[in-house]
Amino acid sequence: MSFYTKTTATATDLFYQYDALRRFQDAHLSDTQAVDIEQYITYQALGQAILLSQPAGQVDDMLPENLHGKGPTRAVVLIDEIDKAPRDLPNDVLNEVEKMEFTVKETGHTFRAEQRYRPILVLTSNSEKNLPDPFLRRCLFYHIPFPSAEHLKEIVQKRFQDHPDFTPQFIEAVIAHFEDIRKLTLKKKPAIAEFLAWIRVLQALEIDPNHPKPGQSEALALSYSILAKTQEDLATLKRKFL
């Protein structure tokens, strides 16, 4: 289960979303039937994980069909790029994360994970901003190092396994050049996403960045725009390699 953090995310968004506008419209159009609030609530990643810790018969109607009958079970929840969220979000969920419970304020219902099925949270951060200390005290930290040349080779081979033109020689040549680029003093070093886009372009243009053929230097220079994200970095690459 995954929650992809936005800059507008709130603590509630981790657990559920309430469609107040649709409920208002339905209530306005309905003259006879009472409007059931539950049908306007959609449980999100962490909320679903907590619900899954309960016996299936109690919560199936609150979960997507693909999760019916799955409980009770322990779920893993990915909260991706939590540093994108407003600083208040990590502080606001301290109590909920520690107790693994949340309350739907629109209904007053509180859900708490069964102890043996407490969800496992995996949070990622690009370190764009520091997370609050009280939040970090509740976390185990692990830094994911940048892939080695061998690991990069595996990534390329798996990504482009259906492309026979990505020969081992070509892949190794591009990786060697890419590693030389990352050794430079740049404002923003290119990451894996940029590398994969760049190697795809080089393959399409049949360019060996270490030994470009006559007439390929301009195309190689243009390809550096995929890797460099500032004018200064682009100038550094051109100065070094062209």
C-alpha atoms as a PDB file:
ATOM      1  CA  MET A   1       0.000   0.000   0.000  1.00  0.00           C
ATOM      2  CA  SER A   2       1.351   3.390  -0.926  1.00  0.00           C
ATOM      3  CA  PHE A   3       0.687   7.015  -0.068  1.00  0.00           C
ATOM      4  CA  TYR A   4       2.348   9.519  -2.386  1.00  0.00           C
ATOM      5  CA  THR A   5       2.846  12.718  -0.433  1.00  0.00           C
ATOM      6  CA  LYS A   6       1.769  16.054  -1.882  1.00  0.00           C
ATOM      7  CA  THR A   7       2.661  19.529  -0.693  1.00  0.00           C
ATOM      8  CA  THR A   8      -0.988  19.992   0.324  1.00  0.00           C
ATOM      9  CA  ALA A   9      -1.256  16.728   2.285  1.00  0.00           C
ATOM     10  CA  THR A  10      -2.735  16.738   5.767  1.00  0.00           C
ATOM     11  CA  ALA A  11      -2.580  14.164   8.541  1.00  0.00           C
ATOM     12  CA  THR A  12      -6.115  13.029   7.751  1.00  0.00           C
ATOM     13  CA  ASP A  13      -5.136  12.212   4.155  1.00  0.00           C
ATOM     14  CA  LEU A  14      -2.959   9.332   5.383  1.00  0.00           C
ATOM     15  CA  PHE A  15      -6.036   7.611   6.784  1.00  0.00           C
ATOM     16  CA  TYR A  16      -9.099   8.650   4.788  1.00  0.00           C
ATOM     17  CA  GLN A  17     -10.677  11.251   2.538  1.00  0.00           C
ATOM     18  CA  TYR A  18     -14.171  12.632   2.926  1.00  0.00           C
ATOM     19  CA  ASP A  19     -16.037  13.888  -0.145  1.00  0.00           C
ATOM     20  CA  ALA A  20     -18.047  16.671   1.479  1.00  0.00           C
ATOM     21  CA  LEU A  21     -18.982  18.260  -1.841  1.00  0.00           C
ATOM     22  CA  ARG A  22     -20.572  15.100  -3.246  1.00  0.00           C
ATOM     23  CA  ARG A  23     -22.437  14.518  -0.006  1.00  0.00           C
ATOM     24  CA  PHE A  24     -23.781  18.076  -0.083  1.00  0.00           C
ATOM     25  CA  GLN A  25     -24.945  17.639  -3.679  1.00  0.00           C
ATOM     26  CA  ASP A  26     -26.609  14.314  -2.922  1.00  0.00           C
ATOM     27  CA  ALA A  27     -28.292  15.691   0.205  1.00  0.00           C
ATOM     28  CA  HIS A  28     -29.588  18.658  -1.772  1.00  0.00           C
ATOM     29  CA  LEU A  29     -31.078  16.412  -4.465  1.00  0.00           C
ATOM     30  CA  SER A  30     -32.540  13.802  -2.113  1.00  0.00           C
ATOM     31  CA  ASP A  31     -35.923  14.697  -0.661  1.00  0.00           C
ATOM     32  CA  THR A  32     -36.753  11.476   1.145  1.00  0.00           C
ATOM     33  CA  GLN A  33     -33.695   9.383   1.867  1.00  0.00           C
ATOM     34  CA  ALA A  34     -31.202  10.097   4.621  1.00  0.00           C
ATOM     35  CA  VAL A  35     -27.652  10.349   3.340  1.00  0.00           C
ATOM     36  CA  ASP A  36     -25.240   7.769   4.786  1.00  0.00           C
ATOM     37  CA  ILE A  37     -21.945   9.523   5.546  1.00  0.00           C
ATOM     38  CA  GLU A  38     -19.946   6.292   5.222  1.00  0.00           C
ATOM     39  CA  GLN A  39     -20.462   6.142   1.462  1.00  0.00           C
ATOM     40  CA  TYR A  40     -18.563   9.419   1.079  1.00  0.00           C
ATOM     41  CA  ILE A  41     -15.500   8.214   2.986  1.00  0.00           C
ATOM     42  CA  THR A  42     -12.602   6.577   1.124  1.00  0.00           C
ATOM     43  CA  TYR A  43      -9.958   4.993   3.317  1.00  0.00           C
ATOM     44  CA  GLN A  44      -6.368   5.636   2.273  1.00  0.00           C
ATOM     45  CA  ALA A  45      -3.181   3.590   2.658  1.00  0.00           C
ATOM     46  CA  LEU A  46      -2.590   3.770   6.416  1.00  0.00           C
ATOM     47  CA  GLY A  47      -6.302   3.721   7.159  1.00  0.00           C
ATOM     48  CA  GLN A  48      -6.719   0.603   5.008  1.00  0.00           C
ATOM     49  CA  ALA A  49      -3.776  -1.065   6.752  1.00  0.00           C
ATOM     50  CA  ILE A  50      -5.310  -0.442  10.173  1.00  0.00           C
ATOM     51  CA  LEU A  51      -8.673  -1.746   8.978  1.00  0.00           C
ATOM     52  CA  LEU A  52      -6.968  -4.867   7.612  1.00  0.00           C
ATOM     53  CA  SER A  53      -5.806  -5.701  11.135  1.00  0.00           C
ATOM     54  CA  GLN A  54      -9.447  -6.275  12.048  1.00  0.00           C
ATOM     55  CA  PRO A  55     -11.485  -9.443  11.322  1.00  0.00           C
ATOM     56  CA  ALA A  56     -12.546  -9.378   7.664  1.00  0.00           C
ATOM     57  CA  GLY A  57     -16.282  -9.515   8.325  1.00  0.00           C
ATOM     58  CA  GLN A  58     -16.168  -6.310  10.352  1.00  0.00           C
ATOM     59  CA  VAL A  59     -14.483  -4.049   7.796  1.00  0.00           C
ATOM     60  CA  ASP A  60     -14.966  -5.456   4.293  1.00  0.00           C
ATOM     61  CA  ASP A  61     -17.591  -2.879   3.414  1.00  0.00           C
ATOM     62  CA  MET A  62     -15.063  -0.118   4.170  1.00  0.00           C
ATOM     63  CA  LEU A  63     -12.323  -1.523   1.926  1.00  0.00           C
ATOM     64  CA  PRO A  64     -11.858  -1.844  -1.839  1.00  0.00           C
ATOM     65  CA  GLU A  65     -13.084  -5.105  -3.318  1.00  0.00           C
ATOM     66  CA  ASN A  66      -9.546  -6.377  -3.906  1.00  0.00           C
ATOM     67  CA  LEU A  67      -8.973  -6.297  -0.119  1.00  0.00           C
ATOM     68  CA  HIS A  68     -12.173  -8.088   0.878  1.00  0.00           C
ATOM     69  CA  GLY A  69     -11.562 -11.175   2.969  1.00  0.00           C
ATOM     70  CA  LYS A  70      -7.860 -10.375   3.467  1.00  0.00           C
ATOM     71  CA  GLY A  71      -7.989  -9.568   7.170  1.00  0.00           C
ATOM     72  CA  PRO A  72      -6.836  -9.893   9.756  1.00  0.00           C
ATOM     73  CA  THR A  73      -3.347  -9.406   8.376  1.00  0.00           C
ATOM     74  CA  ARG A  74      -0.294  -7.209   8.782  1.00  0.00           C
ATOM     75  CA  ALA A  75       0.236  -4.730   5.972  1.00  0.00           C
ATOM     76  CA  VAL A  76       3.254  -2.727   4.838  1.00  0.00           C
ATOM     77  CA  VAL A  77       2.566   0.923   4.012  1.00  0.00           C
ATOM     78  CA  LEU A  78       4.905   3.089   1.958  1.00  0.00           C
ATOM     79  CA  ILE A  79       4.678   6.830   2.636  1.00  0.00           C
ATOM     80  CA  ASP A  80       6.698   8.212  -0.234  1.00  0.00           C
ATOM     81  CA  GLU A  81       8.643  11.496  -0.018  1.00  0.00           C
ATOM     82  CA  ILE A  82       7.204  12.571   3.315  1.00  0.00           C
ATOM     83  CA  ASP A  83       9.479  15.617   3.269  1.00  0.00           C
ATOM     84  CA  LYS A  84       7.179  17.093   0.602  1.00  0.00           C
ATOM     85  CA  ALA A  85       4.416  17.458   3.184  1.00  0.00           C
ATOM     86  CA  PRO A  86       3.868  20.584   5.275  1.00  0.00           C
ATOM     87  CA  ARG A  87       5.964  20.474   8.437  1.00  0.00           C
ATOM     88  CA  ASP A  88       2.813  20.112  10.543  1.00  0.00           C
ATOM     89  CA  LEU A  89       1.934  16.719   9.052  1.00  0.00           C
ATOM     90  CA  PRO A  90       4.633  14.615  10.805  1.00  0.00           C
ATOM     91  CA  ASN A  91       3.833  16.333  14.110  1.00  0.00           C
ATOM     92  CA  ASP A  92       0.095  15.891  13.640  1.00  0.00           C
ATOM     93  CA  VAL A  93       0.335  12.110  13.188  1.00  0.00           C
ATOM     94  CA  LEU A  94       2.660  11.377  16.123  1.00  0.00           C
ATOM     95  CA  ASN A  95      -0.111  10.058  18.354  1.00  0.00           C
ATOM     96  CA  GLU A  96      -1.853   8.150  15.559  1.00  0.00           C
ATOM     97  CA  VAL A  97       1.366   6.473  14.397  1.00  0.00           C
ATOM     98  CA  GLU A  98       2.421   5.546  17.925  1.00  0.00           C
ATOM     99  CA  LYS A  99      -0.965   4.034  18.795  1.00  0.00           C
ATOM    100  CA  MET A 100      -1.805   2.953  15.228  1.00  0.00           C
ATOM    101  CA  GLU A 101      -5.291   4.375  15.506  1.00  0.00           C
ATOM    102  CA  PHE A 102      -7.342   7.112  13.897  1.00  0.00           C
ATOM    103  CA  THR A 103     -10.758   8.677  14.270  1.00  0.00           C
ATOM    104  CA  VAL A 104     -13.104   9.575  11.445  1.00  0.00           C
ATOM    105  CA  LYS A 105     -14.314  12.917  12.735  1.00  0.00           C
ATOM    106  CA  GLU A 106     -17.343  12.922  10.423  1.00  0.00           C
ATOM    107  CA  THR A 107     -18.726   9.748  12.058  1.00  0.00           C
ATOM    108  CA  GLY A 108     -16.921   9.693  15.397  1.00  0.00           C
ATOM    109  CA  HIS A 109     -15.724   6.134  14.774  1.00  0.00           C
ATOM    110  CA  THR A 110     -12.239   5.222  16.013  1.00  0.00           C
ATOM    111  CA  PHE A 111     -10.226   2.364  14.548  1.00  0.00           C
ATOM    112  CA  ARG A 112      -7.175   0.883  16.234  1.00  0.00           C
ATOM    113  CA  ALA A 113      -4.858  -1.759  14.840  1.00  0.00           C
ATOM    114  CA  GLU A 114      -4.755  -5.107  16.586  1.00  0.00           C
ATOM    115  CA  GLN A 115      -1.361  -5.366  18.286  1.00  0.00           C
ATOM    116  CA  ARG A 116      -0.225  -8.510  16.465  1.00  0.00           C
ATOM    117  CA  TYR A 117      -1.208  -7.008  13.094  1.00  0.00           C
ATOM    118  CA  ARG A 118       0.169  -3.495  13.518  1.00  0.00           C
ATOM    119  CA  PRO A 119       1.095  -2.079  10.085  1.00  0.00           C
ATOM    120  CA  ILE A 120       4.743  -1.607   9.185  1.00  0.00           C
ATOM    121  CA  LEU A 121       5.498   1.910   7.946  1.00  0.00           C
ATOM    122  CA  VAL A 122       8.238   2.612   5.405  1.00  0.00           C
ATOM    123  CA  LEU A 123       8.873   6.299   4.826  1.00  0.00           C
ATOM    124  CA  THR A 124      11.091   7.782   2.139  1.00  0.00           C
ATOM    125  CA  SER A 125      12.600  11.255   2.070  1.00  0.00           C
ATOM    126  CA  ASN A 126      14.787  13.139  -0.369  1.00  0.00           C
ATOM    127  CA  SER A 127      16.129  15.221   2.532  1.00  0.00           C
ATOM    128  CA  GLU A 128      14.770  18.389   0.936  1.00  0.00           C
ATOM    129  CA  LYS A 129      13.915  19.541   4.442  1.00  0.00           C
ATOM    130  CA  ASN A 130      14.469  18.196   7.926  1.00  0.00           C
ATOM    131  CA  LEU A 131      11.738  16.239   9.648  1.00  0.00           C
ATOM    132  CA  PRO A 132      10.792  17.172  13.240  1.00  0.00           C
ATOM    133  CA  ASP A 133      12.922  15.576  15.964  1.00  0.00           C
ATOM    134  CA  PRO A 134       9.957  14.047  17.859  1.00  0.00           C
ATOM    135  CA  PHE A 135       8.954  12.273  14.658  1.00  0.00           C
ATOM    136  CA  LEU A 136      12.493  11.070  13.890  1.00  0.00           C
ATOM    137  CA  ARG A 137      12.829   9.604  17.397  1.00  0.00           C
ATOM    138  CA  ARG A 138      10.133   7.122  16.443  1.00  0.00           C
ATOM    139  CA  CYS A 139      11.913   6.047  13.263  1.00  0.00           C
ATOM    140  CA  LEU A 140      14.759   3.746  12.273  1.00  0.00           C
ATOM    141  CA  PHE A 141      16.983   5.516   9.739  1.00  0.00           C
ATOM    142  CA  TYR A 142      18.520   3.904   6.682  1.00  0.00           C
ATOM    143  CA  HIS A 143      20.404   5.724   3.940  1.00  0.00           C
ATOM    144  CA  ILE A 144      20.107   4.135   0.492  1.00  0.00           C
ATOM    145  CA  PRO A 145      23.488   4.607  -1.204  1.00  0.00           C
ATOM    146  CA  PHE A 146      23.686   5.434  -4.887  1.00  0.00           C
ATOM    147  CA  PRO A 147      23.971   2.241  -6.970  1.00  0.00           C
ATOM    148  CA  SER A 148      27.394   0.905  -7.879  1.00  0.00           C
ATOM    149  CA  ALA A 149      28.401   0.422 -11.514  1.00  0.00           C
ATOM    150  CA  GLU A 150      27.439  -3.246 -11.303  1.00  0.00           C
ATOM    151  CA  HIS A 151      24.044  -2.395  -9.837  1.00  0.00           C
ATOM    152  CA  LEU A 152      23.464   0.252 -12.502  1.00  0.00           C
ATOM    153  CA  LYS A 153      24.220  -2.387 -15.123  1.00  0.00           C
ATOM    154  CA  GLU A 154      21.594  -4.684 -13.605  1.00  0.00           C
ATOM    155  CA  ILE A 155      19.046  -1.848 -13.596  1.00  0.00           C
ATOM    156  CA  VAL A 156      19.646  -1.090 -17.272  1.00  0.00           C
ATOM    157  CA  GLN A 157      19.517  -4.747 -18.272  1.00  0.00           C
ATOM    158  CA  LYS A 158      16.205  -5.269 -16.497  1.00  0.00           C
ATOM    159  CA  ARG A 159      14.696  -2.033 -17.798  1.00  0.00           C
ATOM    160  CA  PHE A 160      15.757  -2.616 -21.407  1.00  0.00           C
ATOM    161  CA  GLN A 161      15.847  -6.410 -21.523  1.00  0.00           C
ATOM    162  CA  ASP A 162      13.683  -6.414 -24.680  1.00  0.00           C
ATOM    163  CA  HIS A 163      16.102  -4.116 -26.527  1.00  0.00           C
ATOM    164  CA  PRO A 164      18.977  -6.136 -28.049  1.00  0.00           C
ATOM    165  CA  ASP A 165      20.794  -2.919 -29.044  1.00  0.00           C
ATOM    166  CA  PHE A 166      21.688  -2.356 -25.379  1.00  0.00           C
ATOM    167  CA  THR A 167      24.819  -4.491 -25.575  1.00  0.00           C
ATOM    168  CA  PRO A 168      27.018  -5.083 -22.516  1.00  0.00           C
ATOM    169  CA  GLN A 169      29.789  -3.022 -24.133  1.00  0.00           C
ATOM    170  CA  PHE A 170      27.478  -0.071 -24.749  1.00  0.00           C
ATOM    171  CA  ILE A 171      26.018  -0.211 -21.243  1.00  0.00           C
ATOM    172  CA  GLU A 172      29.443  -0.337 -19.598  1.00  0.00           C
ATOM    173  CA  ALA A 173      30.706   2.583 -21.685  1.00  0.00           C
ATOM    174  CA  VAL A 174      27.751   4.781 -20.757  1.00  0.00           C
ATOM    175  CA  ILE A 175      27.964   3.841 -17.073  1.00  0.00           C
ATOM    176  CA  ALA A 176      31.666   4.709 -16.988  1.00  0.00           C
ATOM    177  CA  HIS A 177      30.941   8.132 -18.480  1.00  0.00           C
ATOM    178  CA  PHE A 178      28.008   8.648 -16.111  1.00  0.00           C
ATOM    179  CA  GLU A 179      30.177   7.869 -13.088  1.00  0.00           C
ATOM    180  CA  ASP A 180      32.755  10.415 -14.300  1.00  0.00           C
ATOM    181  CA  ILE A 181      29.949  12.975 -14.482  1.00  0.00           C
ATOM    182  CA  ARG A 182      28.805  12.271 -10.924  1.00  0.00           C
ATOM    183  CA  LYS A 183      32.380  12.780  -9.676  1.00  0.00           C
ATOM    184  CA  LEU A 184      32.274  16.399 -10.832  1.00  0.00           C
ATOM    185  CA  THR A 185      31.313  19.247  -8.538  1.00  0.00           C
ATOM    186  CA  LEU A 186      27.728  19.859  -9.594  1.00  0.00           C
ATOM    187  CA  LYS A 187      24.880  21.713  -7.935  1.00  0.00           C
ATOM    188  CA  LYS A 188      22.628  18.724  -8.549  1.00  0.00           C
ATOM    189  CA  LYS A 189      24.093  15.359  -9.405  1.00  0.00           C
ATOM    190  CA  PRO A 190      22.007  13.371 -11.895  1.00  0.00           C
ATOM    191  CA  ALA A 191      20.012  10.498 -10.424  1.00  0.00           C
ATOM    192  CA  ILE A 192      18.886   7.140 -11.798  1.00  0.00           C
ATOM    193  CA  ALA A 193      15.831   8.556 -13.577  1.00  0.00           C
ATOM    194  CA  GLU A 194      17.995  10.986 -15.557  1.00  0.00           C
ATOM    195  CA  PHE A 195      20.529   8.256 -16.271  1.00  0.00           C
ATOM    196  CA  LEU A 196      17.903   5.919 -17.747  1.00  0.00           C
ATOM    197  CA  ALA A 197      16.487   8.685 -19.933  1.00  0.00           C
ATOM    198  CA  TRP A 198      19.993   9.632 -21.078  1.00  0.00           C
ATOM    199  CA  ILE A 199      21.104   6.104 -21.976  1.00  0.00           C
ATOM    200  CA  ARG A 200      17.920   5.636 -23.994  1.00  0.00           C
ATOM    201  CA  VAL A 201      18.744   8.773 -26.022  1.00  0.00           C
ATOM    202  CA  LEU A 202      22.370   7.740 -26.540  1.00  0.00           C
ATOM    203  CA  GLN A 203      21.272   4.324 -27.772  1.00  0.00           C
ATOM    204  CA  ALA A 204      18.752   5.837 -30.197  1.00  0.00           C
ATOM    205  CA  LEU A 205      21.453   8.159 -31.588  1.00  0.00           C
ATOM    206  CA  GLU A 206      24.111   5.416 -31.500  1.00  0.00           C
ATOM    207  CA  ILE A 207      26.505   7.600 -29.513  1.00  0.00           C
ATOM    208  CA  ASP A 208      29.352   6.258 -27.419  1.00  0.00           C
ATOM    209  CA  PRO A 209      29.881   9.209 -25.019  1.00  0.00           C
ATOM    210  CA  ASN A 210      33.506   8.238 -24.473  1.00  0.00           C
ATOM    211  CA  HIS A 211      34.305   8.078 -28.183  1.00  0.00           C
ATOM    212  CA  PRO A 212      31.759  10.091 -30.180  1.00  0.00           C
ATOM    213  CA  LYS A 213      32.033   9.797 -33.948  1.00  0.00           C
ATOM    214  CA  PRO A 214      32.704  12.843 -36.127  1.00  0.00           C
ATOM    215  CA  GLY A 215      29.620  15.034 -36.155  1.00  0.00           C
ATOM    216  CA  GLN A 216      28.166  13.574 -32.911  1.00  0.00           C
ATOM    217  CA  SER A 217      29.651  16.109 -30.486  1.00  0.00           C
ATOM    218  CA  GLU A 218      26.731  18.517 -30.870  1.00  0.00           C
ATOM    219  CA  ALA A 219      24.193  15.771 -30.241  1.00  0.00           C
ATOM    220  CA  LEU A 220      26.164  14.617 -27.193  1.00  0.00           C
ATOM    221  CA  ALA A 221      26.229  18.180 -25.898  1.00  0.00           C
ATOM    222  CA  LEU A 222      22.460  18.414 -26.265  1.00  0.00           C
ATOM    223  CA  SER A 223      22.037  15.107 -24.446  1.00  0.00           C
ATOM    224  CA  TYR A 224      23.778  16.546 -21.388  1.00  0.00           C
ATOM    225  CA  SER A 225      20.655  18.672 -20.874  1.00  0.00           C
ATOM    226  CA  ILE A 226      18.986  15.498 -19.615  1.00  0.00           C
ATOM    227  CA  LEU A 227      21.564  15.208 -16.822  1.00  0.00           C
ATOM    228  CA  ALA A 228      22.309  18.836 -15.950  1.00  0.00           C
ATOM    229  CA  LYS A 229      19.587  20.846 -14.224  1.00  0.00           C
ATOM    230  CA  THR A 230      21.290  24.238 -14.078  1.00  0.00           C
ATOM    231  CA  GLN A 231      23.126  26.379 -16.608  1.00  0.00           C
ATOM    232  CA  GLU A 232      26.303  26.112 -14.551  1.00  0.00           C
ATOM    233  CA  ASP A 233      26.177  22.318 -14.424  1.00  0.00           C
ATOM    234  CA  LEU A 234      25.559  22.088 -18.155  1.00  0.00           C
ATOM    235  CA  ALA A 235      28.533  24.354 -18.817  1.00  0.00           C
ATOM    236  CA  THR A 236      30.682  22.186 -16.524  1.00  0.00           C
ATOM    237  CA  LEU A 237      29.815  19.030 -18.469  1.00  0.00           C
ATOM    238  CA  LYS A 238      30.530  20.608 -21.819  1.00  0.00           C
ATOM    239  CA  ARG A 239      33.828  22.026 -20.587  1.00  0.00           C
ATOM    240  CA  LYS A 240      34.936  18.696 -19.192  1.00  0.00           C
ATOM    241  CA  PHE A 241      33.891  16.291 -21.914  1.00  0.00           C
ATOM    242  CA  LEU A 242      33.651  18.205 -25.209  1.00  0.00           C
END
